PDB file of N, CA and C in Angstrom:
ATOM      1  N   VAL A   1       7.277  -7.822 -13.114  1.00  0.00           N
ATOM      2  CA  VAL A   1       7.441  -6.707 -12.187  1.00  0.00           C
ATOM      3  C   VAL A   1       7.876  -7.239 -10.823  1.00  0.00           C
ATOM      4  N   GLN A   2       8.951  -6.684 -10.309  1.00  0.00           N
ATOM      5  CA  GLN A   2       9.391  -7.029  -8.959  1.00  0.00           C
ATOM      6  C   GLN A   2       9.198  -5.812  -8.061  1.00  0.00           C
ATOM      7  N   LEU A   3       8.707  -6.059  -6.843  1.00  0.00           N
ATOM      8  CA  LEU A   3       8.352  -4.976  -5.940  1.00  0.00           C
ATOM      9  C   LEU A   3       9.153  -5.084  -4.654  1.00  0.00           C
ATOM     10  N   GLN A   4       9.631  -3.942  -4.170  1.00  0.00           N
ATOM     11  CA  GLN A   4      10.419  -3.891  -2.945  1.00  0.00           C
ATOM     12  C   GLN A   4       9.843  -2.808  -2.048  1.00  0.00           C
ATOM     13  N   ALA A   5       9.209  -3.246  -0.953  1.00  0.00           N
ATOM     14  CA  ALA A   5       8.616  -2.299  -0.017  1.00  0.00           C
ATOM     15  C   ALA A   5       9.621  -1.926   1.066  1.00  0.00           C
ATOM     16  N   SER A   6       9.535  -0.687   1.523  1.00  0.00           N
ATOM     17  CA  SER A   6      10.424  -0.210   2.582  1.00  0.00           C
ATOM     18  C   SER A   6       9.747   0.921   3.333  1.00  0.00           C
ATOM     19  N   GLY A   7      10.370   1.322   4.447  1.00  0.00           N
ATOM     20  CA  GLY A   7       9.878   2.470   5.192  1.00  0.00           C
ATOM     21  C   GLY A   7       9.152   2.130   6.474  1.00  0.00           C
ATOM     22  N   GLY A   8       8.954   0.861   6.744  1.00  0.00           N
ATOM     23  CA  GLY A   8       8.291   0.483   7.981  1.00  0.00           C
ATOM     24  C   GLY A   8       9.159   0.750   9.201  1.00  0.00           C
ATOM     25  N   GLY A   9       8.567   0.604  10.364  1.00  0.00           N
ATOM     26  CA  GLY A   9       9.313   0.823  11.588  1.00  0.00           C
ATOM     27  C   GLY A   9       8.401   0.883  12.790  1.00  0.00           C
ATOM     28  N   LEU A  10       8.966   1.346  13.898  1.00  0.00           N
ATOM     29  CA  LEU A  10       8.235   1.489  15.151  1.00  0.00           C
ATOM     30  C   LEU A  10       7.916   2.960  15.368  1.00  0.00           C
ATOM     31  N   VAL A  11       6.660   3.253  15.644  1.00  0.00           N
ATOM     32  CA  VAL A  11       6.236   4.634  15.851  1.00  0.00           C
ATOM     33  C   VAL A  11       5.200   4.671  16.966  1.00  0.00           C
ATOM     34  N   GLN A  12       5.153   5.781  17.675  1.00  0.00           N
ATOM     35  CA  GLN A  12       4.150   5.936  18.723  1.00  0.00           C
ATOM     36  C   GLN A  12       2.804   6.299  18.124  1.00  0.00           C
ATOM     37  N   ALA A  13       1.745   5.983  18.840  1.00  0.00           N
ATOM     38  CA  ALA A  13       0.399   6.345  18.401  1.00  0.00           C
ATOM     39  C   ALA A  13       0.330   7.844  18.132  1.00  0.00           C
ATOM     40  N   GLY A  14      -0.308   8.186  17.037  1.00  0.00           N
ATOM     41  CA  GLY A  14      -0.394   9.573  16.628  1.00  0.00           C
ATOM     42  C   GLY A  14       0.706  10.004  15.676  1.00  0.00           C
ATOM     43  N   GLY A  15       1.701   9.163  15.510  1.00  0.00           N
ATOM     44  CA  GLY A  15       2.816   9.482  14.636  1.00  0.00           C
ATOM     45  C   GLY A  15       2.550   9.162  13.183  1.00  0.00           C
ATOM     46  N   SER A  16       3.589   9.345  12.377  1.00  0.00           N
ATOM     47  CA  SER A  16       3.469   9.157  10.932  1.00  0.00           C
ATOM     48  C   SER A  16       4.616   8.304  10.397  1.00  0.00           C
ATOM     49  N   LEU A  17       4.343   7.636   9.297  1.00  0.00           N
ATOM     50  CA  LEU A  17       5.346   6.902   8.541  1.00  0.00           C
ATOM     51  C   LEU A  17       5.002   7.029   7.076  1.00  0.00           C
ATOM     52  N   LYS A  18       6.028   6.943   6.236  1.00  0.00           N
ATOM     53  CA  LYS A  18       5.801   6.927   4.797  1.00  0.00           C
ATOM     54  C   LYS A  18       6.456   5.679   4.229  1.00  0.00           C
ATOM     55  N   LEU A  19       5.631   4.820   3.665  1.00  0.00           N
ATOM     56  CA  LEU A  19       6.121   3.611   3.030  1.00  0.00           C
ATOM     57  C   LEU A  19       6.395   3.874   1.555  1.00  0.00           C
ATOM     58  N   SER A  20       7.384   3.169   1.043  1.00  0.00           N
ATOM     59  CA  SER A  20       7.700   3.248  -0.371  1.00  0.00           C
ATOM     60  C   SER A  20       7.697   1.851  -0.956  1.00  0.00           C
ATOM     61  N   CYS A  21       7.377   1.775  -2.214  1.00  0.00           N
ATOM     62  CA  CYS A  21       7.420   0.503  -2.937  1.00  0.00           C
ATOM     63  C   CYS A  21       8.063   0.772  -4.287  1.00  0.00           C
ATOM     64  N   ALA A  22       9.272   0.265  -4.442  1.00  0.00           N
ATOM     65  CA  ALA A  22      10.004   0.456  -5.688  1.00  0.00           C
ATOM     66  C   ALA A  22       9.772  -0.738  -6.603  1.00  0.00           C
ATOM     67  N   ALA A  23       9.473  -0.448  -7.843  1.00  0.00           N
ATOM     68  CA  ALA A  23       9.175  -1.497  -8.810  1.00  0.00           C
ATOM     69  C   ALA A  23      10.235  -1.554  -9.887  1.00  0.00           C
ATOM     70  N   SER A  24      10.532  -2.748 -10.312  1.00  0.00           N
ATOM     71  CA  SER A  24      11.422  -2.919 -11.456  1.00  0.00           C
ATOM     72  C   SER A  24      10.573  -3.090 -12.704  1.00  0.00           C
ATOM     73  N   GLY A  25      11.168  -2.878 -13.843  1.00  0.00           N
ATOM     74  CA  GLY A  25      10.428  -3.072 -15.069  1.00  0.00           C
ATOM     75  C   GLY A  25      10.019  -1.767 -15.705  1.00  0.00           C
ATOM     76  N   ARG A  26      10.062  -1.744 -17.012  1.00  0.00           N
ATOM     77  CA  ARG A  26       9.781  -0.514 -17.748  1.00  0.00           C
ATOM     78  C   ARG A  26       8.305  -0.221 -17.879  1.00  0.00           C
ATOM     79  N   THR A  27       7.448  -1.212 -17.515  1.00  0.00           N
ATOM     80  CA  THR A  27       6.016  -1.030 -17.694  1.00  0.00           C
ATOM     81  C   THR A  27       5.299  -0.660 -16.409  1.00  0.00           C
ATOM     82  N   PHE A  28       6.048  -0.183 -15.414  1.00  0.00           N
ATOM     83  CA  PHE A  28       5.445   0.145 -14.130  1.00  0.00           C
ATOM     84  C   PHE A  28       4.273   1.088 -14.291  1.00  0.00           C
ATOM     85  N   SER A  29       4.399   2.064 -15.165  1.00  0.00           N
ATOM     86  CA  SER A  29       3.346   3.072 -15.304  1.00  0.00           C
ATOM     87  C   SER A  29       2.040   2.482 -15.797  1.00  0.00           C
ATOM     88  N   ARG A  30       2.083   1.274 -16.350  1.00  0.00           N
ATOM     89  CA  ARG A  30       0.861   0.646 -16.849  1.00  0.00           C
ATOM     90  C   ARG A  30       0.182  -0.246 -15.806  1.00  0.00           C
ATOM     91  N   TYR A  31       0.723  -0.295 -14.599  1.00  0.00           N
ATOM     92  CA  TYR A  31       0.144  -1.122 -13.543  1.00  0.00           C
ATOM     93  C   TYR A  31      -0.530  -0.243 -12.497  1.00  0.00           C
ATOM     94  N   SER A  32      -1.698  -0.660 -12.111  1.00  0.00           N
ATOM     95  CA  SER A  32      -2.313  -0.060 -10.941  1.00  0.00           C
ATOM     96  C   SER A  32      -1.668  -0.682  -9.703  1.00  0.00           C
ATOM     97  N   MET A  33      -1.624   0.085  -8.645  1.00  0.00           N
ATOM     98  CA  MET A  33      -0.890  -0.339  -7.465  1.00  0.00           C
ATOM     99  C   MET A  33      -1.778  -0.326  -6.231  1.00  0.00           C
ATOM    100  N   GLY A  34      -1.509  -1.249  -5.338  1.00  0.00           N
ATOM    101  CA  GLY A  34      -2.277  -1.304  -4.101  1.00  0.00           C
ATOM    102  C   GLY A  34      -1.382  -1.565  -2.903  1.00  0.00           C
ATOM    103  N   TRP A  35      -1.883  -1.187  -1.755  1.00  0.00           N
ATOM    104  CA  TRP A  35      -1.263  -1.523  -0.476  1.00  0.00           C
ATOM    105  C   TRP A  35      -2.254  -2.375   0.321  1.00  0.00           C
ATOM    106  N   PHE A  36      -1.716  -3.423   0.907  1.00  0.00           N
ATOM    107  CA  PHE A  36      -2.473  -4.295   1.789  1.00  0.00           C
ATOM    108  C   PHE A  36      -1.708  -4.418   3.098  1.00  0.00           C
ATOM    109  N   ARG A  37      -2.367  -4.943   4.120  1.00  0.00           N
ATOM    110  CA  ARG A  37      -1.679  -5.189   5.374  1.00  0.00           C
ATOM    111  C   ARG A  37      -2.206  -6.477   6.005  1.00  0.00           C
ATOM    112  N   GLN A  38      -1.359  -7.067   6.817  1.00  0.00           N
ATOM    113  CA  GLN A  38      -1.736  -8.303   7.489  1.00  0.00           C
ATOM    114  C   GLN A  38      -1.199  -8.281   8.910  1.00  0.00           C
ATOM    115  N   ALA A  39      -2.112  -8.306   9.858  1.00  0.00           N
ATOM    116  CA  ALA A  39      -1.761  -8.363  11.264  1.00  0.00           C
ATOM    117  C   ALA A  39      -1.675  -9.827  11.696  1.00  0.00           C
ATOM    118  N   PRO A  40      -0.947 -10.115  12.764  1.00  0.00           N
ATOM    119  CA  PRO A  40      -0.822 -11.508  13.227  1.00  0.00           C
ATOM    120  C   PRO A  40      -2.182 -12.143  13.487  1.00  0.00           C
ATOM    121  N   GLY A  41      -2.383 -13.326  12.938  1.00  0.00           N
ATOM    122  CA  GLY A  41      -3.624 -14.045  13.149  1.00  0.00           C
ATOM    123  C   GLY A  41      -4.802 -13.562  12.346  1.00  0.00           C
ATOM    124  N   LYS A  42      -4.571 -12.587  11.458  1.00  0.00           N
ATOM    125  CA  LYS A  42      -5.667 -12.034  10.648  1.00  0.00           C
ATOM    126  C   LYS A  42      -5.379 -12.216   9.173  1.00  0.00           C
ATOM    127  N   GLU A  43      -6.423 -12.096   8.381  1.00  0.00           N
ATOM    128  CA  GLU A  43      -6.268 -12.181   6.943  1.00  0.00           C
ATOM    129  C   GLU A  43      -5.679 -10.883   6.390  1.00  0.00           C
ATOM    130  N   ARG A  44      -5.065 -11.010   5.243  1.00  0.00           N
ATOM    131  CA  ARG A  44      -4.542  -9.821   4.575  1.00  0.00           C
ATOM    132  C   ARG A  44      -5.721  -8.943   4.155  1.00  0.00           C
ATOM    133  N   GLU A  45      -5.619  -7.661   4.429  1.00  0.00           N
ATOM    134  CA  GLU A  45      -6.713  -6.757   4.115  1.00  0.00           C
ATOM    135  C   GLU A  45      -6.258  -5.579   3.267  1.00  0.00           C
ATOM    136  N   PHE A  46      -7.185  -5.096   2.479  1.00  0.00           N
ATOM    137  CA  PHE A  46      -6.932  -3.968   1.594  1.00  0.00           C
ATOM    138  C   PHE A  46      -6.752  -2.686   2.383  1.00  0.00           C
ATOM    139  N   VAL A  47      -5.826  -1.857   1.918  1.00  0.00           N
ATOM    140  CA  VAL A  47      -5.605  -0.544   2.533  1.00  0.00           C
ATOM    141  C   VAL A  47      -5.918   0.588   1.544  1.00  0.00           C
ATOM    142  N   ALA A  48      -5.279   0.558   0.384  1.00  0.00           N
ATOM    143  CA  ALA A  48      -5.466   1.640  -0.584  1.00  0.00           C
ATOM    144  C   ALA A  48      -5.005   1.182  -1.962  1.00  0.00           C
ATOM    145  N   ALA A  49      -5.498   1.861  -2.988  1.00  0.00           N
ATOM    146  CA  ALA A  49      -5.094   1.551  -4.352  1.00  0.00           C
ATOM    147  C   ALA A  49      -5.090   2.813  -5.192  1.00  0.00           C
ATOM    148  N   ILE A  50      -4.299   2.776  -6.267  1.00  0.00           N
ATOM    149  CA  ILE A  50      -4.225   3.894  -7.202  1.00  0.00           C
ATOM    150  C   ILE A  50      -4.128   3.326  -8.607  1.00  0.00           C
ATOM    151  N   THR A  51      -4.933   3.849  -9.522  1.00  0.00           N
ATOM    152  CA  THR A  51      -4.942   3.323 -10.880  1.00  0.00           C
ATOM    153  C   THR A  51      -3.779   3.882 -11.685  1.00  0.00           C
ATOM    154  N   TRP A  52      -3.427   3.138 -12.749  1.00  0.00           N
ATOM    155  CA  TRP A  52      -2.309   3.601 -13.576  1.00  0.00           C
ATOM    156  C   TRP A  52      -2.761   4.668 -14.562  1.00  0.00           C
ATOM    157  N   SER A  53      -4.021   4.602 -14.974  1.00  0.00           N
ATOM    158  CA  SER A  53      -4.469   5.443 -16.078  1.00  0.00           C
ATOM    159  C   SER A  53      -4.801   6.867 -15.645  1.00  0.00           C
ATOM    160  N   THR A  54      -5.580   7.002 -14.586  1.00  0.00           N
ATOM    161  CA  THR A  54      -6.038   8.331 -14.169  1.00  0.00           C
ATOM    162  C   THR A  54      -5.476   8.757 -12.828  1.00  0.00           C
ATOM    163  N   GLY A  55      -4.836   7.823 -12.132  1.00  0.00           N
ATOM    164  CA  GLY A  55      -4.356   8.147 -10.800  1.00  0.00           C
ATOM    165  C   GLY A  55      -5.455   8.215  -9.770  1.00  0.00           C
ATOM    166  N   SER A  56      -6.598   7.647 -10.101  1.00  0.00           N
ATOM    167  CA  SER A  56      -7.699   7.617  -9.137  1.00  0.00           C
ATOM    168  C   SER A  56      -7.311   6.754  -7.944  1.00  0.00           C
ATOM    169  N   THR A  57      -7.790   7.140  -6.781  1.00  0.00           N
ATOM    170  CA  THR A  57      -7.441   6.430  -5.554  1.00  0.00           C
ATOM    171  C   THR A  57      -8.678   5.940  -4.828  1.00  0.00           C
ATOM    172  N   CYS A  58      -8.510   4.911  -4.030  1.00  0.00           N
ATOM    173  CA  CYS A  58      -9.565   4.445  -3.147  1.00  0.00           C
ATOM    174  C   CYS A  58      -8.916   3.906  -1.880  1.00  0.00           C
ATOM    175  N   TYR A  59      -9.679   3.942  -0.801  1.00  0.00           N
ATOM    176  CA  TYR A  59      -9.157   3.592   0.508  1.00  0.00           C
ATOM    177  C   TYR A  59     -10.137   2.723   1.278  1.00  0.00           C
ATOM    178  N   ALA A  60      -9.577   1.906   2.143  1.00  0.00           N
ATOM    179  CA  ALA A  60     -10.406   1.171   3.084  1.00  0.00           C
ATOM    180  C   ALA A  60     -10.936   2.154   4.124  1.00  0.00           C
ATOM    181  N   ASP A  61     -12.120   1.897   4.628  1.00  0.00           N
ATOM    182  CA  ASP A  61     -12.734   2.828   5.574  1.00  0.00           C
ATOM    183  C   ASP A  61     -11.868   3.140   6.794  1.00  0.00           C
ATOM    184  N   PRO A  62     -11.183   2.146   7.378  1.00  0.00           N
ATOM    185  CA  PRO A  62     -10.405   2.446   8.598  1.00  0.00           C
ATOM    186  C   PRO A  62      -9.260   3.439   8.392  1.00  0.00           C
ATOM    187  N   VAL A  63      -8.836   3.651   7.152  1.00  0.00           N
ATOM    188  CA  VAL A  63      -7.675   4.520   6.918  1.00  0.00           C
ATOM    189  C   VAL A  63      -8.046   5.810   6.197  1.00  0.00           C
ATOM    190  N   LYS A  64      -9.280   5.942   5.775  1.00  0.00           N
ATOM    191  CA  LYS A  64      -9.700   7.149   5.069  1.00  0.00           C
ATOM    192  C   LYS A  64      -9.446   8.392   5.918  1.00  0.00           C
ATOM    193  N   GLY A  65      -8.862   9.382   5.281  1.00  0.00           N
ATOM    194  CA  GLY A  65      -8.565  10.628   5.976  1.00  0.00           C
ATOM    195  C   GLY A  65      -7.258  10.608   6.724  1.00  0.00           C
ATOM    196  N   ARG A  66      -6.635   9.441   6.867  1.00  0.00           N
ATOM    197  CA  ARG A  66      -5.348   9.327   7.570  1.00  0.00           C
ATOM    198  C   ARG A  66      -4.216   8.902   6.638  1.00  0.00           C
ATOM    199  N   PHE A  67      -4.520   8.043   5.683  1.00  0.00           N
ATOM    200  CA  PHE A  67      -3.504   7.511   4.769  1.00  0.00           C
ATOM    201  C   PHE A  67      -3.695   8.120   3.383  1.00  0.00           C
ATOM    202  N   THR A  68      -2.586   8.282   2.673  1.00  0.00           N
ATOM    203  CA  THR A  68      -2.632   8.791   1.302  1.00  0.00           C
ATOM    204  C   THR A  68      -1.710   7.955   0.426  1.00  0.00           C
ATOM    205  N   ILE A  69      -2.274   7.416  -0.654  1.00  0.00           N
ATOM    206  CA  ILE A  69      -1.475   6.675  -1.623  1.00  0.00           C
ATOM    207  C   ILE A  69      -1.140   7.602  -2.786  1.00  0.00           C
ATOM    208  N   SER A  70       0.078   7.486  -3.278  1.00  0.00           N
ATOM    209  CA  SER A  70       0.493   8.290  -4.426  1.00  0.00           C
ATOM    210  C   SER A  70       1.526   7.492  -5.210  1.00  0.00           C
ATOM    211  N   ARG A  71       1.812   7.955  -6.412  1.00  0.00           N
ATOM    212  CA  ARG A  71       2.792   7.263  -7.236  1.00  0.00           C
ATOM    213  C   ARG A  71       3.635   8.270  -7.997  1.00  0.00           C
ATOM    214  N   GLU A  72       4.832   7.868  -8.285  1.00  0.00           N
ATOM    215  CA  GLU A  72       5.761   8.672  -9.075  1.00  0.00           C
ATOM    216  C   GLU A  72       6.311   7.761 -10.154  1.00  0.00           C
ATOM    217  N   ASN A  73       5.700   7.802 -11.331  1.00  0.00           N
ATOM    218  CA  ASN A  73       6.051   6.867 -12.403  1.00  0.00           C
ATOM    219  C   ASN A  73       7.492   7.035 -12.863  1.00  0.00           C
ATOM    220  N   ALA A  74       7.993   8.246 -12.819  1.00  0.00           N
ATOM    221  CA  ALA A  74       9.374   8.476 -13.258  1.00  0.00           C
ATOM    222  C   ALA A  74      10.374   7.742 -12.383  1.00  0.00           C
ATOM    223  N   LYS A  75       9.970   7.459 -11.140  1.00  0.00           N
ATOM    224  CA  LYS A  75      10.845   6.747 -10.204  1.00  0.00           C
ATOM    225  C   LYS A  75      10.380   5.313  -9.963  1.00  0.00           C
ATOM    226  N   ASN A  76       9.352   4.886 -10.717  1.00  0.00           N
ATOM    227  CA  ASN A  76       8.813   3.533 -10.544  1.00  0.00           C
ATOM    228  C   ASN A  76       8.488   3.243  -9.082  1.00  0.00           C
ATOM    229  N   THR A  77       7.871   4.197  -8.428  1.00  0.00           N
ATOM    230  CA  THR A  77       7.644   4.081  -6.994  1.00  0.00           C
ATOM    231  C   THR A  77       6.222   4.488  -6.630  1.00  0.00           C
ATOM    232  N   VAL A  78       5.645   3.750  -5.707  1.00  0.00           N
ATOM    233  CA  VAL A  78       4.364   4.100  -5.115  1.00  0.00           C
ATOM    234  C   VAL A  78       4.592   4.300  -3.623  1.00  0.00           C
ATOM    235  N   TYR A  79       3.847   5.243  -3.059  1.00  0.00           N
ATOM    236  CA  TYR A  79       4.031   5.612  -1.662  1.00  0.00           C
ATOM    237  C   TYR A  79       2.737   5.425  -0.871  1.00  0.00           C
ATOM    238  N   LEU A  80       2.891   5.265   0.419  1.00  0.00           N
ATOM    239  CA  LEU A  80       1.750   5.278   1.326  1.00  0.00           C
ATOM    240  C   LEU A  80       2.131   6.150   2.514  1.00  0.00           C
ATOM    241  N   GLN A  81       1.579   7.348   2.536  1.00  0.00           N
ATOM    242  CA  GLN A  81       1.788   8.250   3.661  1.00  0.00           C
ATOM    243  C   GLN A  81       0.763   7.912   4.728  1.00  0.00           C
ATOM    244  N   MET A  82       1.234   7.602   5.918  1.00  0.00           N
ATOM    245  CA  MET A  82       0.355   7.182   7.002  1.00  0.00           C
ATOM    246  C   MET A  82       0.473   8.170   8.152  1.00  0.00           C
ATOM    247  N   ASN A  83      -0.611   8.839   8.460  1.00  0.00           N
ATOM    248  CA  ASN A  83      -0.663   9.810   9.544  1.00  0.00           C
ATOM    249  C   ASN A  83      -1.615   9.342  10.638  1.00  0.00           C
ATOM    250  N   SER A  84      -1.484   9.936  11.794  1.00  0.00           N
ATOM    251  CA  SER A  84      -2.359   9.610  12.929  1.00  0.00           C
ATOM    252  C   SER A  84      -2.433   8.103  13.152  1.00  0.00           C
ATOM    253  N   LEU A  85      -1.285   7.480  13.160  1.00  0.00           N
ATOM    254  CA  LEU A  85      -1.237   6.028  13.300  1.00  0.00           C
ATOM    255  C   LEU A  85      -1.734   5.582  14.664  1.00  0.00           C
ATOM    256  N   GLN A  86      -2.399   4.448  14.651  1.00  0.00           N
ATOM    257  CA  GLN A  86      -2.966   3.863  15.861  1.00  0.00           C
ATOM    258  C   GLN A  86      -2.451   2.431  16.024  1.00  0.00           C
ATOM    259  N   PRO A  87      -2.506   1.894  17.245  1.00  0.00           N
ATOM    260  CA  PRO A  87      -2.040   0.516  17.433  1.00  0.00           C
ATOM    261  C   PRO A  87      -2.714  -0.497  16.506  1.00  0.00           C
ATOM    262  N   ASP A  88      -3.958  -0.249  16.140  1.00  0.00           N
ATOM    263  CA  ASP A  88      -4.657  -1.161  15.214  1.00  0.00           C
ATOM    264  C   ASP A  88      -4.057  -1.154  13.818  1.00  0.00           C
ATOM    265  N   ASP A  89      -3.204  -0.191  13.527  1.00  0.00           N
ATOM    266  CA  ASP A  89      -2.541  -0.150  12.221  1.00  0.00           C
ATOM    267  C   ASP A  89      -1.309  -1.051  12.183  1.00  0.00           C
ATOM    268  N   THR A  90      -0.946  -1.627  13.312  1.00  0.00           N
ATOM    269  CA  THR A  90       0.204  -2.519  13.360  1.00  0.00           C
ATOM    270  C   THR A  90      -0.018  -3.735  12.475  1.00  0.00           C
ATOM    271  N   ALA A  91       0.917  -3.965  11.562  1.00  0.00           N
ATOM    272  CA  ALA A  91       0.786  -5.057  10.598  1.00  0.00           C
ATOM    273  C   ALA A  91       2.019  -5.081   9.704  1.00  0.00           C
ATOM    274  N   VAL A  92       2.124  -6.127   8.927  1.00  0.00           N
ATOM    275  CA  VAL A  92       3.069  -6.129   7.812  1.00  0.00           C
ATOM    276  C   VAL A  92       2.338  -5.542   6.611  1.00  0.00           C
ATOM    277  N   TYR A  93       2.942  -4.562   5.998  1.00  0.00           N
ATOM    278  CA  TYR A  93       2.335  -3.878   4.860  1.00  0.00           C
ATOM    279  C   TYR A  93       2.968  -4.372   3.567  1.00  0.00           C
ATOM    280  N   TYR A  94       2.106  -4.706   2.606  1.00  0.00           N
ATOM    281  CA  TYR A  94       2.540  -5.231   1.327  1.00  0.00           C
ATOM    282  C   TYR A  94       2.084  -4.313   0.196  1.00  0.00           C
ATOM    283  N   CYS A  95       2.952  -4.126  -0.777  1.00  0.00           N
ATOM    284  CA  CYS A  95       2.508  -3.454  -1.995  1.00  0.00           C
ATOM    285  C   CYS A  95       2.264  -4.516  -3.069  1.00  0.00           C
ATOM    286  N   ALA A  96       1.407  -4.178  -4.011  1.00  0.00           N
ATOM    287  CA  ALA A  96       1.029  -5.127  -5.043  1.00  0.00           C
ATOM    288  C   ALA A  96       0.729  -4.377  -6.331  1.00  0.00           C
ATOM    289  N   ALA A  97       0.893  -5.068  -7.440  1.00  0.00           N
ATOM    290  CA  ALA A  97       0.665  -4.473  -8.756  1.00  0.00           C
ATOM    291  C   ALA A  97      -0.372  -5.277  -9.519  1.00  0.00           C
ATOM    292  N   ALA A  98      -1.237  -4.566 -10.210  1.00  0.00           N
ATOM    293  CA  ALA A  98      -2.298  -5.212 -10.979  1.00  0.00           C
ATOM    294  C   ALA A  98      -2.372  -4.607 -12.370  1.00  0.00           C
ATOM    295  N   ARG A  99      -2.633  -5.442 -13.360  1.00  0.00           N
ATOM    296  CA  ARG A  99      -2.772  -4.930 -14.725  1.00  0.00           C
ATOM    297  C   ARG A  99      -4.039  -4.104 -14.873  1.00  0.00           C
ATOM    298  N   SER A 100      -5.053  -4.450 -14.099  1.00  0.00           N
ATOM    299  CA  SER A 100      -6.317  -3.731 -14.234  1.00  0.00           C
ATOM    300  C   SER A 100      -7.088  -3.801 -12.931  1.00  0.00           C
ATOM    301  N   ILE A 101      -7.516  -2.653 -12.447  1.00  0.00           N
ATOM    302  CA  ILE A 101      -8.397  -2.637 -11.290  1.00  0.00           C
ATOM    303  C   ILE A 101      -9.520  -1.644 -11.538  1.00  0.00           C
ATOM    304  N   TYR A 102     -10.592  -1.830 -10.847  1.00  0.00           N
ATOM    305  CA  TYR A 102     -11.672  -0.853 -10.830  1.00  0.00           C
ATOM    306  C   TYR A 102     -12.250  -0.884  -9.431  1.00  0.00           C
ATOM    307  N   SER A 103     -13.198  -0.030  -9.170  1.00  0.00           N
ATOM    308  CA  SER A 103     -13.689   0.116  -7.803  1.00  0.00           C
ATOM    309  C   SER A 103     -14.248  -1.176  -7.251  1.00  0.00           C
ATOM    310  N   GLY A 104     -14.718  -2.056  -8.133  1.00  0.00           N
ATOM    311  CA  GLY A 104     -15.326  -3.286  -7.657  1.00  0.00           C
ATOM    312  C   GLY A 104     -14.357  -4.393  -7.291  1.00  0.00           C
ATOM    313  N   ASN A 105     -13.098  -4.280  -7.727  1.00  0.00           N
ATOM    314  CA  ASN A 105     -12.172  -5.375  -7.441  1.00  0.00           C
ATOM    315  C   ASN A 105     -10.862  -4.929  -6.811  1.00  0.00           C
ATOM    316  N   SER A 106     -10.695  -3.637  -6.588  1.00  0.00           N
ATOM    317  CA  SER A 106      -9.415  -3.136  -6.100  1.00  0.00           C
ATOM    318  C   SER A 106      -9.073  -3.654  -4.714  1.00  0.00           C
ATOM    319  N   TYR A 107     -10.068  -4.072  -3.948  1.00  0.00           N
ATOM    320  CA  TYR A 107      -9.833  -4.509  -2.578  1.00  0.00           C
ATOM    321  C   TYR A 107      -9.536  -6.006  -2.482  1.00  0.00           C
ATOM    322  N   GLN A 108      -9.608  -6.716  -3.581  1.00  0.00           N
ATOM    323  CA  GLN A 108      -9.439  -8.165  -3.566  1.00  0.00           C
ATOM    324  C   GLN A 108      -7.995  -8.557  -3.850  1.00  0.00           C
ATOM    325  N   THR A 109      -7.432  -9.411  -3.020  1.00  0.00           N
ATOM    326  CA  THR A 109      -6.041  -9.823  -3.220  1.00  0.00           C
ATOM    327  C   THR A 109      -5.858 -10.523  -4.563  1.00  0.00           C
ATOM    328  N   GLY A 110      -6.857 -11.249  -5.014  1.00  0.00           N
ATOM    329  CA  GLY A 110      -6.752 -11.985  -6.273  1.00  0.00           C
ATOM    330  C   GLY A 110      -6.664 -11.112  -7.505  1.00  0.00           C
ATOM    331  N   THR A 111      -6.958  -9.827  -7.349  1.00  0.00           N
ATOM    332  CA  THR A 111      -6.877  -8.897  -8.472  1.00  0.00           C
ATOM    333  C   THR A 111      -5.438  -8.589  -8.857  1.00  0.00           C
ATOM    334  N   TYR A 112      -4.531  -8.736  -7.904  1.00  0.00           N
ATOM    335  CA  TYR A 112      -3.149  -8.279  -8.071  1.00  0.00           C
ATOM    336  C   TYR A 112      -2.255  -9.402  -8.570  1.00  0.00           C
ATOM    337  N   ASP A 113      -1.378  -9.028  -9.488  1.00  0.00           N
ATOM    338  CA  ASP A 113      -0.530 -10.003 -10.170  1.00  0.00           C
ATOM    339  C   ASP A 113       0.835 -10.170  -9.519  1.00  0.00           C
ATOM    340  N   TYR A 114       1.322  -9.150  -8.876  1.00  0.00           N
ATOM    341  CA  TYR A 114       2.655  -9.176  -8.282  1.00  0.00           C
ATOM    342  C   TYR A 114       2.593  -8.586  -6.874  1.00  0.00           C
ATOM    343  N   TRP A 115       3.436  -9.137  -6.000  1.00  0.00           N
ATOM    344  CA  TRP A 115       3.465  -8.720  -4.600  1.00  0.00           C
ATOM    345  C   TRP A 115       4.899  -8.469  -4.154  1.00  0.00           C
ATOM    346  N   GLY A 116       5.046  -7.480  -3.289  1.00  0.00           N
ATOM    347  CA  GLY A 116       6.315  -7.240  -2.643  1.00  0.00           C
ATOM    348  C   GLY A 116       6.450  -8.105  -1.407  1.00  0.00           C
ATOM    349  N   GLN A 117       7.581  -7.974  -0.728  1.00  0.00           N
ATOM    350  CA  GLN A 117       7.886  -8.863   0.395  1.00  0.00           C
ATOM    351  C   GLN A 117       7.315  -8.381   1.723  1.00  0.00           C
ATOM    352  N   GLY A 118       6.855  -7.157   1.789  1.00  0.00           N
ATOM    353  CA  GLY A 118       6.263  -6.659   3.027  1.00  0.00           C
ATOM    354  C   GLY A 118       7.237  -5.896   3.892  1.00  0.00           C
ATOM    355  N   THR A 119       6.707  -4.927   4.618  1.00  0.00           N
ATOM    356  CA  THR A 119       7.503  -4.161   5.574  1.00  0.00           C
ATOM    357  C   THR A 119       6.692  -4.011   6.855  1.00  0.00           C
ATOM    358  N   GLN A 120       7.343  -4.210   7.990  1.00  0.00           N
ATOM    359  CA  GLN A 120       6.647  -4.226   9.280  1.00  0.00           C
ATOM    360  C   GLN A 120       6.406  -2.804   9.782  1.00  0.00           C
ATOM    361  N   VAL A 121       5.171  -2.555  10.180  1.00  0.00           N
ATOM    362  CA  VAL A 121       4.810  -1.297  10.831  1.00  0.00           C
ATOM    363  C   VAL A 121       4.272  -1.642  12.221  1.00  0.00           C
ATOM    364  N   THR A 122       4.871  -1.067  13.239  1.00  0.00           N
ATOM    365  CA  THR A 122       4.449  -1.310  14.602  1.00  0.00           C
ATOM    366  C   THR A 122       4.135   0.028  15.261  1.00  0.00           C
ATOM    367  N   VAL A 123       2.925   0.138  15.785  1.00  0.00           N
ATOM    368  CA  VAL A 123       2.492   1.372  16.430  1.00  0.00           C
ATOM    369  C   VAL A 123       2.287   1.083  17.913  1.00  0.00           C
ATOM    370  N   SER A 124       3.030   1.766  18.745  1.00  0.00           N
ATOM    371  CA  SER A 124       2.921   1.559  20.191  1.00  0.00           C
ATOM    372  C   SER A 124       1.929   2.551  20.794  1.00  0.00           C
ATOM    373  N   SER A 125       1.273   2.108  21.848  1.00  0.00           N
ATOM    374  CA  SER A 125       0.269   2.970  22.498  1.00  0.00           C
ATOM    375  C   SER A 125       0.886   3.818  23.591  1.00  0.00           C
TER     376      SER A 125
END
């Protein structure tokens, strides 16, 4: 599976962005998908995930109620709708694919088998 993230950019605080992650491969629908982010000088952190089987979602506490992860299997694409963006959301955002996730491991980078190249999101105050 190859992943290509896009949709990042510069936005003012309070604004919105929608990230997309296009996947290659016919088995995309069998992979659970996650979004992570990494700010300068910080470790990569979990943002959100969605399972392949039921479409169940989970979110990191800082983004709950503001971000929404979704997927469109027919287009081999996963999305991250980001609303009410704040300067602390500034980071490079990465999408990732995993053969299997559950609530106990969805936030761990080691759970994911494939990673995209990242897209920069910058939120100005």
